[in-house]
C-alpha cells in the first residue's frame, strides 16, 4: 500500500500547517530577498529568481501557487 504525506501527518497537524503557511505567505517580510545587494519583494522578481529563492528556502512558496500548500508549485528536483 502506498503511503501519502497526508497519511503520515497526525490529524489536525495539516490544518495548522496550512494556516501558518497562509499567514506567512501574507506577510510582506517573508518575501524580501536580496539580489545583487538590493532588497526586493520576490513576488515582483522574474520567475527564475523566484524559483531559486524557493529552492534555497528564502520564500514560503512560489507566487501564483497555493500559499497554504508551498509544494503546489514546487519544482521537481
C-alpha atoms as a PDB file:
ATOM      1  CA  UNK A   1       0.000   0.000   0.000  1.00  0.00           C
ATOM      2  CA  UNK A   2       1.343   3.410  -0.981  1.00  0.00           C
ATOM      3  CA  UNK A   3       1.569   5.997   1.818  1.00  0.00           C
ATOM      4  CA  UNK A   4       0.915   9.655   1.081  1.00  0.00           C
ATOM      5  CA  UNK A   5       2.089  12.666   3.081  1.00  0.00           C
ATOM      6  CA  UNK A   6      -1.433  13.137   4.398  1.00  0.00           C
ATOM      7  CA  UNK A   7      -1.419   9.582   5.768  1.00  0.00           C
ATOM      8  CA  UNK A   8       1.807  10.315   7.659  1.00  0.00           C
ATOM      9  CA  UNK A   9       0.642  13.621   9.197  1.00  0.00           C
ATOM     10  CA  UNK A  10      -1.226  13.367  12.508  1.00  0.00           C
ATOM     11  CA  UNK A  11      -4.849  14.515  12.430  1.00  0.00           C
ATOM     12  CA  UNK A  12      -5.167  18.290  12.733  1.00  0.00           C
ATOM     13  CA  UNK A  13      -1.489  18.901  12.041  1.00  0.00           C
ATOM     14  CA  UNK A  14      -2.021  19.579   8.320  1.00  0.00           C
ATOM     15  CA  UNK A  15      -4.706  22.178   9.079  1.00  0.00           C
ATOM     16  CA  UNK A  16      -2.343  24.002  11.457  1.00  0.00           C
ATOM     17  CA  UNK A  17       0.451  23.868   8.882  1.00  0.00           C
ATOM     18  CA  UNK A  18      -1.871  25.245   6.184  1.00  0.00           C
ATOM     19  CA  UNK A  19      -2.979  28.073   8.491  1.00  0.00           C
ATOM     20  CA  UNK A  20       0.601  29.033   9.373  1.00  0.00           C
ATOM     21  CA  UNK A  21       1.686  28.953   5.733  1.00  0.00           C
ATOM     22  CA  UNK A  22      -1.298  31.114   4.754  1.00  0.00           C
ATOM     23  CA  UNK A  23      -0.371  33.709   7.379  1.00  0.00           C
ATOM     24  CA  UNK A  24       3.302  33.566   6.428  1.00  0.00           C
ATOM     25  CA  UNK A  25       2.538  33.996   2.738  1.00  0.00           C
ATOM     26  CA  UNK A  26       0.551  37.168   3.564  1.00  0.00           C
ATOM     27  CA  UNK A  27       3.474  38.680   5.499  1.00  0.00           C
ATOM     28  CA  UNK A  28       5.419  41.079   3.245  1.00  0.00           C
ATOM     29  CA  UNK A  29       8.657  40.433   5.146  1.00  0.00           C
ATOM     30  CA  UNK A  30       8.516  36.759   4.166  1.00  0.00           C
ATOM     31  CA  UNK A  31       9.004  37.827   0.552  1.00  0.00           C
ATOM     32  CA  UNK A  32      12.008  40.132   0.969  1.00  0.00           C
ATOM     33  CA  UNK A  33      15.164  38.846  -0.726  1.00  0.00           C
ATOM     34  CA  UNK A  34      18.481  40.448  -1.629  1.00  0.00           C
ATOM     35  CA  UNK A  35      19.527  40.402  -5.282  1.00  0.00           C
ATOM     36  CA  UNK A  36      22.929  41.929  -6.077  1.00  0.00           C
ATOM     37  CA  UNK A  37      22.819  43.825  -2.774  1.00  0.00           C
ATOM     38  CA  UNK A  38      19.350  45.261  -3.399  1.00  0.00           C
ATOM     39  CA  UNK A  39      16.429  44.237  -1.181  1.00  0.00           C
ATOM     40  CA  UNK A  40      13.338  43.462  -3.236  1.00  0.00           C
ATOM     41  CA  UNK A  41       9.972  41.744  -2.991  1.00  0.00           C
ATOM     42  CA  UNK A  42      10.380  38.279  -4.537  1.00  0.00           C
ATOM     43  CA  UNK A  43       6.798  38.396  -5.819  1.00  0.00           C
ATOM     44  CA  UNK A  44       7.829  41.049  -8.351  1.00  0.00           C
ATOM     45  CA  UNK A  45      11.073  39.289  -9.345  1.00  0.00           C
ATOM     46  CA  UNK A  46      11.469  37.280 -12.559  1.00  0.00           C
ATOM     47  CA  UNK A  47      10.295  33.664 -12.298  1.00  0.00           C
ATOM     48  CA  UNK A  48      13.824  32.190 -12.393  1.00  0.00           C
ATOM     49  CA  UNK A  49      14.811  34.292  -9.352  1.00  0.00           C
ATOM     50  CA  UNK A  50      11.621  33.213  -7.548  1.00  0.00           C
ATOM     51  CA  UNK A  51      12.386  29.556  -8.264  1.00  0.00           C
ATOM     52  CA  UNK A  52      15.945  29.885  -6.961  1.00  0.00           C
ATOM     53  CA  UNK A  53      14.773  31.747  -3.832  1.00  0.00           C
ATOM     54  CA  UNK A  54      12.208  28.998  -3.174  1.00  0.00           C
ATOM     55  CA  UNK A  55      14.790  26.266  -3.762  1.00  0.00           C
ATOM     56  CA  UNK A  56      17.069  27.963  -1.212  1.00  0.00           C
ATOM     57  CA  UNK A  57      14.205  28.254   1.280  1.00  0.00           C
ATOM     58  CA  UNK A  58      14.168  32.056   1.217  1.00  0.00           C
ATOM     59  CA  UNK A  59      10.476  32.415   0.358  1.00  0.00           C
ATOM     60  CA  UNK A  60       7.496  30.361   1.624  1.00  0.00           C
ATOM     61  CA  UNK A  61       6.157  29.311  -1.798  1.00  0.00           C
ATOM     62  CA  UNK A  62       6.269  30.222  -5.448  1.00  0.00           C
ATOM     63  CA  UNK A  63       3.996  33.183  -6.207  1.00  0.00           C
ATOM     64  CA  UNK A  64       0.911  32.101  -8.083  1.00  0.00           C
ATOM     65  CA  UNK A  65       0.868  28.783  -6.231  1.00  0.00           C
ATOM     66  CA  UNK A  66      -1.335  27.797  -3.301  1.00  0.00           C
ATOM     67  CA  UNK A  67       0.022  29.671  -0.258  1.00  0.00           C
ATOM     68  CA  UNK A  68      -1.398  27.028   2.057  1.00  0.00           C
ATOM     69  CA  UNK A  69       0.477  24.357   0.129  1.00  0.00           C
ATOM     70  CA  UNK A  70       4.015  25.541  -0.591  1.00  0.00           C
ATOM     71  CA  UNK A  71       4.767  22.459  -2.644  1.00  0.00           C
ATOM     72  CA  UNK A  72       1.855  23.117  -5.025  1.00  0.00           C
ATOM     73  CA  UNK A  73       4.184  24.890  -7.429  1.00  0.00           C
ATOM     74  CA  UNK A  74       7.358  23.193  -6.213  1.00  0.00           C
ATOM     75  CA  UNK A  75       9.845  22.309  -8.889  1.00  0.00           C
ATOM     76  CA  UNK A  76      10.860  18.692  -9.294  1.00  0.00           C
ATOM     77  CA  UNK A  77      14.407  18.155  -8.070  1.00  0.00           C
END
